[in-house]
Amino acid sequence: WAMTPRPYGSRVEEAQAGARQGDPRR
């Protein structure tokens, strides 16, 4: 966590979906 904060839980799917849809801000 200290070195690389990363998403987990429901936000993982949202982040992955945003990346797949070409929406980096999402």
PDB file of all heavy atoms in Angstrom:
ATOM      1  N   TRP A   1       0.845  -1.193   0.000  1.00  0.00           N
ATOM      2  CA  TRP A   1       0.000   0.000   0.000  1.00  0.00           C
ATOM      3  C   TRP A   1       0.878   1.240   0.000  1.00  0.00           C
ATOM      4  O   TRP A   1       0.620   2.201  -0.692  1.00  0.00           O
ATOM      5  CB  TRP A   1      -0.876   0.041   1.238  1.00  0.00           C
ATOM      6  CG  TRP A   1      -2.004  -0.904   1.259  1.00  0.00           C
ATOM      7  CD1 TRP A   1      -2.172  -2.036   0.515  1.00  0.00           C
ATOM      8  CD2 TRP A   1      -3.144  -0.799   2.070  1.00  0.00           C
ATOM      9  NE1 TRP A   1      -3.348  -2.640   0.828  1.00  0.00           N
ATOM     10  CE2 TRP A   1      -3.961  -1.905   1.793  1.00  0.00           C
ATOM     11  CE3 TRP A   1      -3.557   0.125   3.031  1.00  0.00           C
ATOM     12  CZ2 TRP A   1      -5.172  -2.115   2.432  1.00  0.00           C
ATOM     13  CZ3 TRP A   1      -4.750  -0.083   3.668  1.00  0.00           C
ATOM     14  CH2 TRP A   1      -5.556  -1.193   3.363  1.00  0.00           C
ATOM     15  N   ALA A   2       1.895   1.208   0.842  1.00  0.00           N
ATOM     16  CA  ALA A   2       2.726   2.389   1.000  1.00  0.00           C
ATOM     17  C   ALA A   2       3.449   2.736  -0.289  1.00  0.00           C
ATOM     18  O   ALA A   2       3.638   3.902  -0.609  1.00  0.00           O
ATOM     19  CB  ALA A   2       3.735   2.168   2.125  1.00  0.00           C
ATOM     20  N   MET A   3       3.859   1.731  -1.029  1.00  0.00           N
ATOM     21  CA  MET A   3       4.614   1.985  -2.245  1.00  0.00           C
ATOM     22  C   MET A   3       3.712   2.258  -3.446  1.00  0.00           C
ATOM     23  O   MET A   3       4.004   3.106  -4.274  1.00  0.00           O
ATOM     24  CB  MET A   3       5.524   0.786  -2.545  1.00  0.00           C
ATOM     25  CG  MET A   3       6.572   0.563  -1.454  1.00  0.00           C
ATOM     26  SD  MET A   3       7.518   2.060  -1.064  1.00  0.00           S
ATOM     27  CE  MET A   3       8.307   2.357  -2.627  1.00  0.00           C
ATOM     28  N   THR A   4       2.628   1.526  -3.561  1.00  0.00           N
ATOM     29  CA  THR A   4       1.761   1.669  -4.728  1.00  0.00           C
ATOM     30  C   THR A   4       0.304   1.564  -4.334  1.00  0.00           C
ATOM     31  O   THR A   4      -0.267   0.471  -4.348  1.00  0.00           O
ATOM     32  CB  THR A   4       2.080   0.592  -5.790  1.00  0.00           C
ATOM     33  OG1 THR A   4       3.484   0.560  -6.031  1.00  0.00           O
ATOM     34  CG2 THR A   4       1.353   0.886  -7.097  1.00  0.00           C
ATOM     35  N   PRO A   5      -0.343   2.661  -3.938  1.00  0.00           N
ATOM     36  CA  PRO A   5      -1.776   2.607  -3.671  1.00  0.00           C
ATOM     37  C   PRO A   5      -2.504   2.091  -4.906  1.00  0.00           C
ATOM     38  O   PRO A   5      -2.233   2.522  -6.013  1.00  0.00           O
ATOM     39  CB  PRO A   5      -2.133   4.071  -3.379  1.00  0.00           C
ATOM     40  CG  PRO A   5      -0.838   4.704  -2.991  1.00  0.00           C
ATOM     41  CD  PRO A   5       0.217   3.990  -3.780  1.00  0.00           C
ATOM     42  N   ARG A   6      -3.394   1.150  -4.729  1.00  0.00           N
ATOM     43  CA  ARG A   6      -4.090   0.611  -5.883  1.00  0.00           C
ATOM     44  C   ARG A   6      -5.528   0.311  -5.513  1.00  0.00           C
ATOM     45  O   ARG A   6      -5.837   0.080  -4.346  1.00  0.00           O
ATOM     46  CB  ARG A   6      -3.394  -0.649  -6.395  1.00  0.00           C
ATOM     47  CG  ARG A   6      -3.265  -1.760  -5.353  1.00  0.00           C
ATOM     48  CD  ARG A   6      -2.461  -2.915  -5.946  1.00  0.00           C
ATOM     49  NE  ARG A   6      -2.416  -4.045  -5.044  1.00  0.00           N
ATOM     50  CZ  ARG A   6      -1.558  -4.157  -4.038  1.00  0.00           C
ATOM     51  NH1 ARG A   6      -0.686  -3.195  -3.823  1.00  0.00           N
ATOM     52  NH2 ARG A   6      -1.555  -5.214  -3.260  1.00  0.00           N
ATOM     53  N   PRO A   7      -6.414   0.258  -6.496  1.00  0.00           N
ATOM     54  CA  PRO A   7      -7.827   0.060  -6.202  1.00  0.00           C
ATOM     55  C   PRO A   7      -8.140  -1.365  -5.802  1.00  0.00           C
ATOM     56  O   PRO A   7      -7.385  -2.288  -6.073  1.00  0.00           O
ATOM     57  CB  PRO A   7      -8.499   0.406  -7.532  1.00  0.00           C
ATOM     58  CG  PRO A   7      -7.473   0.059  -8.548  1.00  0.00           C
ATOM     59  CD  PRO A   7      -6.155   0.406  -7.920  1.00  0.00           C
ATOM     60  N   TYR A   8      -9.255  -1.526  -5.145  1.00  0.00           N
ATOM     61  CA  TYR A   8      -9.741  -2.846  -4.807  1.00  0.00           C
ATOM     62  C   TYR A   8     -11.256  -2.795  -4.765  1.00  0.00           C
ATOM     63  O   TYR A   8     -11.860  -1.735  -4.816  1.00  0.00           O
ATOM     64  CB  TYR A   8      -9.197  -3.334  -3.459  1.00  0.00           C
ATOM     65  CG  TYR A   8      -9.607  -2.499  -2.282  1.00  0.00           C
ATOM     66  CD1 TYR A   8     -10.746  -2.804  -1.558  1.00  0.00           C
ATOM     67  CD2 TYR A   8      -8.868  -1.377  -1.899  1.00  0.00           C
ATOM     68  CE1 TYR A   8     -11.143  -2.033  -0.473  1.00  0.00           C
ATOM     69  CE2 TYR A   8      -9.254  -0.604  -0.824  1.00  0.00           C
ATOM     70  CZ  TYR A   8     -10.388  -0.941  -0.117  1.00  0.00           C
ATOM     71  OH  TYR A   8     -10.767  -0.173   0.937  1.00  0.00           O
ATOM     72  N   GLY A   9     -11.893  -3.928  -4.655  1.00  0.00           N
ATOM     73  CA  GLY A   9     -13.339  -3.974  -4.543  1.00  0.00           C
ATOM     74  C   GLY A   9     -14.023  -3.477  -5.804  1.00  0.00           C
ATOM     75  O   GLY A   9     -13.534  -3.642  -6.916  1.00  0.00           O
ATOM     76  N   SER A  10     -15.187  -2.845  -5.617  1.00  0.00           N
ATOM     77  CA  SER A  10     -16.004  -2.433  -6.750  1.00  0.00           C
ATOM     78  C   SER A  10     -15.294  -1.436  -7.647  1.00  0.00           C
ATOM     79  O   SER A  10     -15.539  -1.377  -8.858  1.00  0.00           O
ATOM     80  CB  SER A  10     -17.312  -1.825  -6.252  1.00  0.00           C
ATOM     81  OG  SER A  10     -17.054  -0.663  -5.493  1.00  0.00           O
ATOM     82  N   ARG A  11     -14.392  -0.640  -7.099  1.00  0.00           N
ATOM     83  CA  ARG A  11     -13.706   0.365  -7.904  1.00  0.00           C
ATOM     84  C   ARG A  11     -12.733  -0.274  -8.895  1.00  0.00           C
ATOM     85  O   ARG A  11     -12.344   0.330  -9.880  1.00  0.00           O
ATOM     86  CB  ARG A  11     -12.948   1.342  -7.002  1.00  0.00           C
ATOM     87  CG  ARG A  11     -13.853   2.208  -6.156  1.00  0.00           C
ATOM     88  CD  ARG A  11     -14.547   3.256  -6.979  1.00  0.00           C
ATOM     89  NE  ARG A  11     -15.443   4.046  -6.151  1.00  0.00           N
ATOM     90  CZ  ARG A  11     -16.290   4.918  -6.624  1.00  0.00           C
ATOM     91  NH1 ARG A  11     -16.398   5.111  -7.912  1.00  0.00           N
ATOM     92  NH2 ARG A  11     -17.073   5.594  -5.815  1.00  0.00           N
ATOM     93  N   VAL A  12     -12.283  -1.487  -8.618  1.00  0.00           N
ATOM     94  CA  VAL A  12     -11.408  -2.171  -9.561  1.00  0.00           C
ATOM     95  C   VAL A  12     -12.125  -2.324 -10.894  1.00  0.00           C
ATOM     96  O   VAL A  12     -11.583  -2.008 -11.960  1.00  0.00           O
ATOM     97  CB  VAL A  12     -10.986  -3.549  -9.020  1.00  0.00           C
ATOM     98  CG1 VAL A  12     -10.196  -4.307 -10.088  1.00  0.00           C
ATOM     99  CG2 VAL A  12     -10.150  -3.398  -7.762  1.00  0.00           C
ATOM    100  N   GLU A  13     -13.362  -2.804 -10.839  1.00  0.00           N
ATOM    101  CA  GLU A  13     -14.126  -2.999 -12.059  1.00  0.00           C
ATOM    102  C   GLU A  13     -14.363  -1.675 -12.771  1.00  0.00           C
ATOM    103  O   GLU A  13     -14.298  -1.585 -13.997  1.00  0.00           O
ATOM    104  CB  GLU A  13     -15.467  -3.672 -11.743  1.00  0.00           C
ATOM    105  CG  GLU A  13     -15.358  -5.149 -11.366  1.00  0.00           C
ATOM    106  CD  GLU A  13     -14.763  -5.359  -9.977  1.00  0.00           C
ATOM    107  OE1 GLU A  13     -14.900  -4.465  -9.136  1.00  0.00           O
ATOM    108  OE2 GLU A  13     -14.159  -6.420  -9.752  1.00  0.00           O
ATOM    109  N   GLU A  14     -14.642  -0.618 -12.004  1.00  0.00           N
ATOM    110  CA  GLU A  14     -14.874   0.687 -12.622  1.00  0.00           C
ATOM    111  C   GLU A  14     -13.616   1.180 -13.326  1.00  0.00           C
ATOM    112  O   GLU A  14     -13.679   1.712 -14.439  1.00  0.00           O
ATOM    113  CB  GLU A  14     -15.316   1.698 -11.575  1.00  0.00           C
ATOM    114  CG  GLU A  14     -16.728   1.474 -11.056  1.00  0.00           C
ATOM    115  CD  GLU A  14     -17.197   2.649 -10.212  1.00  0.00           C
ATOM    116  OE1 GLU A  14     -16.691   3.764 -10.442  1.00  0.00           O
ATOM    117  OE2 GLU A  14     -18.063   2.447  -9.352  1.00  0.00           O
ATOM    118  N   ALA A  15     -12.471   1.032 -12.664  1.00  0.00           N
ATOM    119  CA  ALA A  15     -11.219   1.486 -13.266  1.00  0.00           C
ATOM    120  C   ALA A  15     -10.900   0.690 -14.520  1.00  0.00           C
ATOM    121  O   ALA A  15     -10.488   1.247 -15.542  1.00  0.00           O
ATOM    122  CB  ALA A  15     -10.077   1.364 -12.250  1.00  0.00           C
ATOM    123  N   GLN A  16     -11.081  -0.623 -14.448  1.00  0.00           N
ATOM    124  CA  GLN A  16     -10.814  -1.460 -15.606  1.00  0.00           C
ATOM    125  C   GLN A  16     -11.767  -1.127 -16.747  1.00  0.00           C
ATOM    126  O   GLN A  16     -11.365  -1.078 -17.913  1.00  0.00           O
ATOM    127  CB  GLN A  16     -10.927  -2.939 -15.212  1.00  0.00           C
ATOM    128  CG  GLN A  16      -9.818  -3.391 -14.269  1.00  0.00           C
ATOM    129  CD  GLN A  16     -10.049  -4.794 -13.745  1.00  0.00           C
ATOM    130  OE1 GLN A  16     -11.157  -5.325 -13.795  1.00  0.00           O
ATOM    131  NE2 GLN A  16      -8.986  -5.403 -13.255  1.00  0.00           N
ATOM    132  N   ALA A  17     -13.036  -0.895 -16.416  1.00  0.00           N
ATOM    133  CA  ALA A  17     -14.014  -0.545 -17.442  1.00  0.00           C
ATOM    134  C   ALA A  17     -13.648   0.780 -18.097  1.00  0.00           C
ATOM    135  O   ALA A  17     -13.742   0.941 -19.321  1.00  0.00           O
ATOM    136  CB  ALA A  17     -15.412  -0.468 -16.830  1.00  0.00           C
ATOM    137  N   GLY A  18     -13.217   1.737 -17.282  1.00  0.00           N
ATOM    138  CA  GLY A  18     -12.819   3.026 -17.832  1.00  0.00           C
ATOM    139  C   GLY A  18     -11.641   2.891 -18.773  1.00  0.00           C
ATOM    140  O   GLY A  18     -11.589   3.531 -19.831  1.00  0.00           O
ATOM    141  N   ALA A  19     -10.674   2.045 -18.397  1.00  0.00           N
ATOM    142  CA  ALA A  19      -9.512   1.834 -19.252  1.00  0.00           C
ATOM    143  C   ALA A  19      -9.917   1.179 -20.568  1.00  0.00           C
ATOM    144  O   ALA A  19      -9.452   1.562 -21.651  1.00  0.00           O
ATOM    145  CB  ALA A  19      -8.482   0.977 -18.522  1.00  0.00           C
ATOM    146  N   ARG A  20     -10.817   0.166 -20.489  1.00  0.00           N
ATOM    147  CA  ARG A  20     -11.258  -0.529 -21.697  1.00  0.00           C
ATOM    148  C   ARG A  20     -12.005   0.407 -22.635  1.00  0.00           C
ATOM    149  O   ARG A  20     -11.931   0.285 -23.848  1.00  0.00           O
ATOM    150  CB  ARG A  20     -12.156  -1.710 -21.334  1.00  0.00           C
ATOM    151  CG  ARG A  20     -11.421  -2.908 -20.736  1.00  0.00           C
ATOM    152  CD  ARG A  20     -12.321  -4.124 -20.746  1.00  0.00           C
ATOM    153  NE  ARG A  20     -13.524  -3.929 -19.956  1.00  0.00           N
ATOM    154  CZ  ARG A  20     -13.634  -4.210 -18.657  1.00  0.00           C
ATOM    155  NH1 ARG A  20     -12.589  -4.685 -18.005  1.00  0.00           N
ATOM    156  NH2 ARG A  20     -14.772  -4.008 -18.010  1.00  0.00           N
ATOM    157  N   GLN A  21     -12.741   1.339 -22.070  1.00  0.00           N
ATOM    158  CA  GLN A  21     -13.547   2.246 -22.876  1.00  0.00           C
ATOM    159  C   GLN A  21     -12.777   3.502 -23.287  1.00  0.00           C
ATOM    160  O   GLN A  21     -13.344   4.437 -23.832  1.00  0.00           O
ATOM    161  CB  GLN A  21     -14.807   2.641 -22.107  1.00  0.00           C
ATOM    162  CG  GLN A  21     -15.731   1.463 -21.817  1.00  0.00           C
ATOM    163  CD  GLN A  21     -16.859   1.842 -20.871  1.00  0.00           C
ATOM    164  OE1 GLN A  21     -17.126   3.012 -20.661  1.00  0.00           O
ATOM    165  NE2 GLN A  21     -17.524   0.836 -20.313  1.00  0.00           N
ATOM    166  N   GLY A  22     -11.496   3.508 -22.993  1.00  0.00           N
ATOM    167  CA  GLY A  22     -10.687   4.654 -23.384  1.00  0.00           C
ATOM    168  C   GLY A  22     -11.004   5.906 -22.600  1.00  0.00           C
ATOM    169  O   GLY A  22     -10.908   7.015 -23.135  1.00  0.00           O
ATOM    170  N   ASP A  23     -11.409   5.756 -21.341  1.00  0.00           N
ATOM    171  CA  ASP A  23     -11.758   6.905 -20.499  1.00  0.00           C
ATOM    172  C   ASP A  23     -10.784   6.959 -19.325  1.00  0.00           C
ATOM    173  O   ASP A  23     -11.093   6.502 -18.224  1.00  0.00           O
ATOM    174  CB  ASP A  23     -13.196   6.756 -19.993  1.00  0.00           C
ATOM    175  CG  ASP A  23     -13.682   8.006 -19.262  1.00  0.00           C
ATOM    176  OD1 ASP A  23     -12.853   8.881 -18.965  1.00  0.00           O
ATOM    177  OD2 ASP A  23     -14.891   8.079 -18.973  1.00  0.00           O
ATOM    178  N   PRO A  24      -9.591   7.518 -19.532  1.00  0.00           N
ATOM    179  CA  PRO A  24      -8.580   7.515 -18.464  1.00  0.00           C
ATOM    180  C   PRO A  24      -9.001   8.302 -17.241  1.00  0.00           C
ATOM    181  O   PRO A  24      -8.609   7.971 -16.125  1.00  0.00           O
ATOM    182  CB  PRO A  24      -7.347   8.133 -19.143  1.00  0.00           C
ATOM    183  CG  PRO A  24      -7.888   8.909 -20.296  1.00  0.00           C
ATOM    184  CD  PRO A  24      -9.094   8.157 -20.766  1.00  0.00           C
ATOM    185  N   ARG A  25      -9.819   9.367 -17.425  1.00  0.00           N
ATOM    186  CA  ARG A  25     -10.229  10.139 -16.253  1.00  0.00           C
ATOM    187  C   ARG A  25     -11.126   9.323 -15.342  1.00  0.00           C
ATOM    188  O   ARG A  25     -11.004   9.375 -14.117  1.00  0.00           O
ATOM    189  CB  ARG A  25     -10.976  11.412 -16.684  1.00  0.00           C
ATOM    190  CG  ARG A  25     -10.083  12.531 -17.130  1.00  0.00           C
ATOM    191  CD  ARG A  25      -8.998  12.850 -16.138  1.00  0.00           C
ATOM    192  NE  ARG A  25      -9.502  13.318 -14.859  1.00  0.00           N
ATOM    193  CZ  ARG A  25      -8.843  13.213 -13.712  1.00  0.00           C
ATOM    194  NH1 ARG A  25      -7.659  12.632 -13.658  1.00  0.00           N
ATOM    195  NH2 ARG A  25      -9.363  13.675 -12.603  1.00  0.00           N
ATOM    196  N   ARG A  26     -12.032   8.553 -15.936  1.00  0.00           N
ATOM    197  CA  ARG A  26     -12.897   7.698 -15.127  1.00  0.00           C
ATOM    198  C   ARG A  26     -12.068   6.688 -14.342  1.00  0.00           C
ATOM    199  O   ARG A  26     -12.314   6.455 -13.154  1.00  0.00           O
ATOM    200  CB  ARG A  26     -13.893   6.981 -16.031  1.00  0.00           C
ATOM    201  CG  ARG A  26     -14.799   6.002 -15.282  1.00  0.00           C
ATOM    202  CD  ARG A  26     -15.732   5.308 -16.249  1.00  0.00           C
ATOM    203  NE  ARG A  26     -16.427   4.201 -15.603  1.00  0.00           N
ATOM    204  CZ  ARG A  26     -17.144   3.298 -16.260  1.00  0.00           C
ATOM    205  NH1 ARG A  26     -17.263   3.380 -17.569  1.00  0.00           N
ATOM    206  NH2 ARG A  26     -17.745   2.325 -15.605  1.00  0.00           N
TER     207      ARG A  26
END
